[in-house]
Amino acid sequence: MSTIDFPGDLLALERAAWEAAQQHALTPAQAAAVQAAVTEYAAETGLPRVEVEMGLKRAVRHPEG
């Protein structure tokens, strides 16, 4: 899977959702906002949505790798 250069706003949205999930405070609205942003970014770039979602999670949760 290739490395994707995610925009800062998308990274921030996923970071906030991940932090909320870690605290068991992720809301359905917050999760839906991330999914909508992922879907929009995938459509804009022409990348598969699942590749965008997996890459974004990897970038936020495992930035060293």
N, C-alpha and C. Protein backbone atom coordinates (compact mmCIF):
# COMPACT_ATOMS: atom_id res chain seq x y z
N MET A 1 0.84 -1.17 0.00
CA MET A 1 0.00 0.00 0.00
C MET A 1 0.89 1.23 0.00
N SER A 2 0.56 2.24 -0.77
CA SER A 2 1.39 3.43 -0.88
C SER A 2 1.16 4.38 0.28
N THR A 3 2.14 5.25 0.48
CA THR A 3 2.02 6.28 1.49
C THR A 3 1.21 7.43 0.91
N ILE A 4 0.25 7.90 1.68
CA ILE A 4 -0.63 8.97 1.23
C ILE A 4 -0.28 10.23 2.01
N ASP A 5 -0.20 11.35 1.32
CA ASP A 5 0.07 12.64 1.95
C ASP A 5 -1.27 13.26 2.34
N PHE A 6 -1.71 12.97 3.57
CA PHE A 6 -3.02 13.43 4.02
C PHE A 6 -2.99 14.91 4.39
N PRO A 7 -4.07 15.63 4.09
CA PRO A 7 -4.15 17.03 4.52
C PRO A 7 -4.28 17.11 6.04
N GLY A 8 -3.80 18.21 6.60
CA GLY A 8 -3.79 18.40 8.04
C GLY A 8 -5.16 18.30 8.68
N ASP A 9 -6.19 18.82 8.02
CA ASP A 9 -7.52 18.78 8.63
C ASP A 9 -8.05 17.35 8.75
N LEU A 10 -7.73 16.52 7.79
CA LEU A 10 -8.16 15.12 7.86
C LEU A 10 -7.40 14.38 8.96
N LEU A 11 -6.11 14.64 9.07
CA LEU A 11 -5.32 14.03 10.15
C LEU A 11 -5.84 14.48 11.52
N ALA A 12 -6.16 15.76 11.66
CA ALA A 12 -6.66 16.28 12.93
C ALA A 12 -8.00 15.65 13.29
N LEU A 13 -8.85 15.47 12.32
CA LEU A 13 -10.15 14.85 12.55
C LEU A 13 -9.98 13.42 13.05
N GLU A 14 -9.10 12.66 12.39
CA GLU A 14 -8.86 11.27 12.80
C GLU A 14 -8.17 11.21 14.16
N ARG A 15 -7.23 12.13 14.42
CA ARG A 15 -6.56 12.16 15.74
C ARG A 15 -7.58 12.39 16.85
N ALA A 16 -8.47 13.35 16.65
CA ALA A 16 -9.48 13.65 17.66
C ALA A 16 -10.39 12.45 17.89
N ALA A 17 -10.77 11.77 16.82
CA ALA A 17 -11.63 10.59 16.94
C ALA A 17 -10.89 9.46 17.66
N TRP A 18 -9.61 9.27 17.35
CA TRP A 18 -8.83 8.22 17.98
C TRP A 18 -8.67 8.51 19.48
N GLU A 19 -8.38 9.76 19.82
CA GLU A 19 -8.26 10.12 21.24
C GLU A 19 -9.59 9.90 21.97
N ALA A 20 -10.69 10.28 21.34
CA ALA A 20 -12.00 10.06 21.95
C ALA A 20 -12.28 8.57 22.12
N ALA A 21 -11.91 7.77 21.13
CA ALA A 21 -12.12 6.31 21.22
C ALA A 21 -11.30 5.72 22.36
N GLN A 22 -10.08 6.21 22.53
CA GLN A 22 -9.23 5.72 23.61
C GLN A 22 -9.84 6.01 24.98
N GLN A 23 -10.61 7.09 25.06
CA GLN A 23 -11.26 7.48 26.32
C GLN A 23 -12.71 6.97 26.39
N HIS A 24 -13.08 6.13 25.45
CA HIS A 24 -14.45 5.59 25.37
C HIS A 24 -15.47 6.72 25.28
N ALA A 25 -15.13 7.76 24.52
CA ALA A 25 -16.00 8.92 24.40
C ALA A 25 -16.32 9.26 22.95
N LEU A 26 -15.99 8.37 22.02
CA LEU A 26 -16.27 8.62 20.61
C LEU A 26 -17.77 8.59 20.38
N THR A 27 -18.28 9.65 19.78
CA THR A 27 -19.72 9.72 19.50
C THR A 27 -20.01 9.25 18.08
N PRO A 28 -21.23 8.80 17.83
CA PRO A 28 -21.59 8.43 16.46
C PRO A 28 -21.41 9.59 15.48
N ALA A 29 -21.69 10.80 15.92
CA ALA A 29 -21.54 11.96 15.03
C ALA A 29 -20.07 12.18 14.68
N GLN A 30 -19.19 12.01 15.65
CA GLN A 30 -17.76 12.18 15.39
C GLN A 30 -17.26 11.10 14.44
N ALA A 31 -17.67 9.87 14.66
CA ALA A 31 -17.28 8.78 13.77
C ALA A 31 -17.81 9.00 12.36
N ALA A 32 -19.05 9.47 12.26
CA ALA A 32 -19.65 9.73 10.95
C ALA A 32 -18.91 10.87 10.23
N ALA A 33 -18.46 11.86 10.97
CA ALA A 33 -17.72 12.97 10.37
C ALA A 33 -16.41 12.48 9.77
N VAL A 34 -15.73 11.59 10.48
CA VAL A 34 -14.48 11.03 9.96
C VAL A 34 -14.77 10.22 8.70
N GLN A 35 -15.79 9.38 8.73
CA GLN A 35 -16.11 8.56 7.57
C GLN A 35 -16.48 9.42 6.36
N ALA A 36 -17.23 10.49 6.59
CA ALA A 36 -17.61 11.38 5.50
C ALA A 36 -16.37 12.05 4.91
N ALA A 37 -15.45 12.48 5.77
CA ALA A 37 -14.23 13.13 5.30
C ALA A 37 -13.34 12.14 4.53
N VAL A 38 -13.26 10.91 5.01
CA VAL A 38 -12.50 9.88 4.32
C VAL A 38 -13.10 9.61 2.94
N THR A 39 -14.40 9.48 2.89
CA THR A 39 -15.09 9.22 1.62
C THR A 39 -14.88 10.37 0.64
N GLU A 40 -14.97 11.59 1.14
CA GLU A 40 -14.77 12.77 0.29
C GLU A 40 -13.33 12.82 -0.24
N TYR A 41 -12.37 12.58 0.64
CA TYR A 41 -10.96 12.61 0.23
C TYR A 41 -10.69 11.51 -0.81
N ALA A 42 -11.24 10.35 -0.59
CA ALA A 42 -11.06 9.25 -1.54
C ALA A 42 -11.63 9.63 -2.91
N ALA A 43 -12.80 10.24 -2.92
CA ALA A 43 -13.41 10.65 -4.18
C ALA A 43 -12.57 11.72 -4.88
N GLU A 44 -12.04 12.65 -4.10
CA GLU A 44 -11.21 13.72 -4.67
C GLU A 44 -9.91 13.20 -5.27
N THR A 45 -9.32 12.22 -4.62
CA THR A 45 -8.02 11.71 -5.06
C THR A 45 -8.11 10.53 -6.01
N GLY A 46 -9.28 9.91 -6.07
CA GLY A 46 -9.44 8.73 -6.92
C GLY A 46 -8.89 7.46 -6.29
N LEU A 47 -8.53 7.54 -5.01
CA LEU A 47 -8.04 6.35 -4.30
C LEU A 47 -9.21 5.54 -3.73
N PRO A 48 -9.02 4.25 -3.56
CA PRO A 48 -10.07 3.44 -2.93
C PRO A 48 -10.31 3.93 -1.49
N ARG A 49 -11.57 4.06 -1.11
CA ARG A 49 -11.92 4.55 0.22
C ARG A 49 -11.27 3.73 1.31
N VAL A 50 -11.25 2.42 1.16
CA VAL A 50 -10.67 1.57 2.20
C VAL A 50 -9.17 1.82 2.33
N GLU A 51 -8.49 2.09 1.21
CA GLU A 51 -7.06 2.39 1.26
C GLU A 51 -6.82 3.71 2.00
N VAL A 52 -7.67 4.69 1.74
CA VAL A 52 -7.57 5.98 2.43
C VAL A 52 -7.80 5.78 3.93
N GLU A 53 -8.86 5.05 4.29
CA GLU A 53 -9.18 4.85 5.70
C GLU A 53 -8.05 4.11 6.42
N MET A 54 -7.55 3.06 5.83
CA MET A 54 -6.48 2.29 6.47
C MET A 54 -5.20 3.12 6.59
N GLY A 55 -4.88 3.86 5.54
CA GLY A 55 -3.69 4.70 5.57
C GLY A 55 -3.80 5.81 6.61
N LEU A 56 -4.97 6.38 6.74
CA LEU A 56 -5.19 7.44 7.72
C LEU A 56 -5.06 6.89 9.14
N LYS A 57 -5.66 5.76 9.39
CA LYS A 57 -5.55 5.14 10.72
C LYS A 57 -4.08 4.83 11.03
N ARG A 58 -3.36 4.30 10.05
CA ARG A 58 -1.95 3.98 10.25
C ARG A 58 -1.14 5.25 10.54
N ALA A 59 -1.41 6.32 9.80
CA ALA A 59 -0.69 7.58 9.98
C ALA A 59 -0.90 8.15 11.37
N VAL A 60 -2.11 8.01 11.90
CA VAL A 60 -2.43 8.57 13.22
C VAL A 60 -2.00 7.64 14.34
N ARG A 61 -2.26 6.37 14.20
CA ARG A 61 -2.01 5.42 15.29
C ARG A 61 -0.58 4.90 15.35
N HIS A 62 0.09 4.91 14.21
CA HIS A 62 1.46 4.38 14.13
C HIS A 62 2.32 5.32 13.27
N PRO A 63 2.48 6.56 13.71
CA PRO A 63 3.19 7.54 12.86
C PRO A 63 4.66 7.19 12.61
N GLU A 64 5.24 6.35 13.46
CA GLU A 64 6.65 5.97 13.29
C GLU A 64 6.84 4.97 12.16
N GLY A 65 5.77 4.31 11.73
CA GLY A 65 5.93 3.25 10.74
C GLY A 65 5.25 3.52 9.51
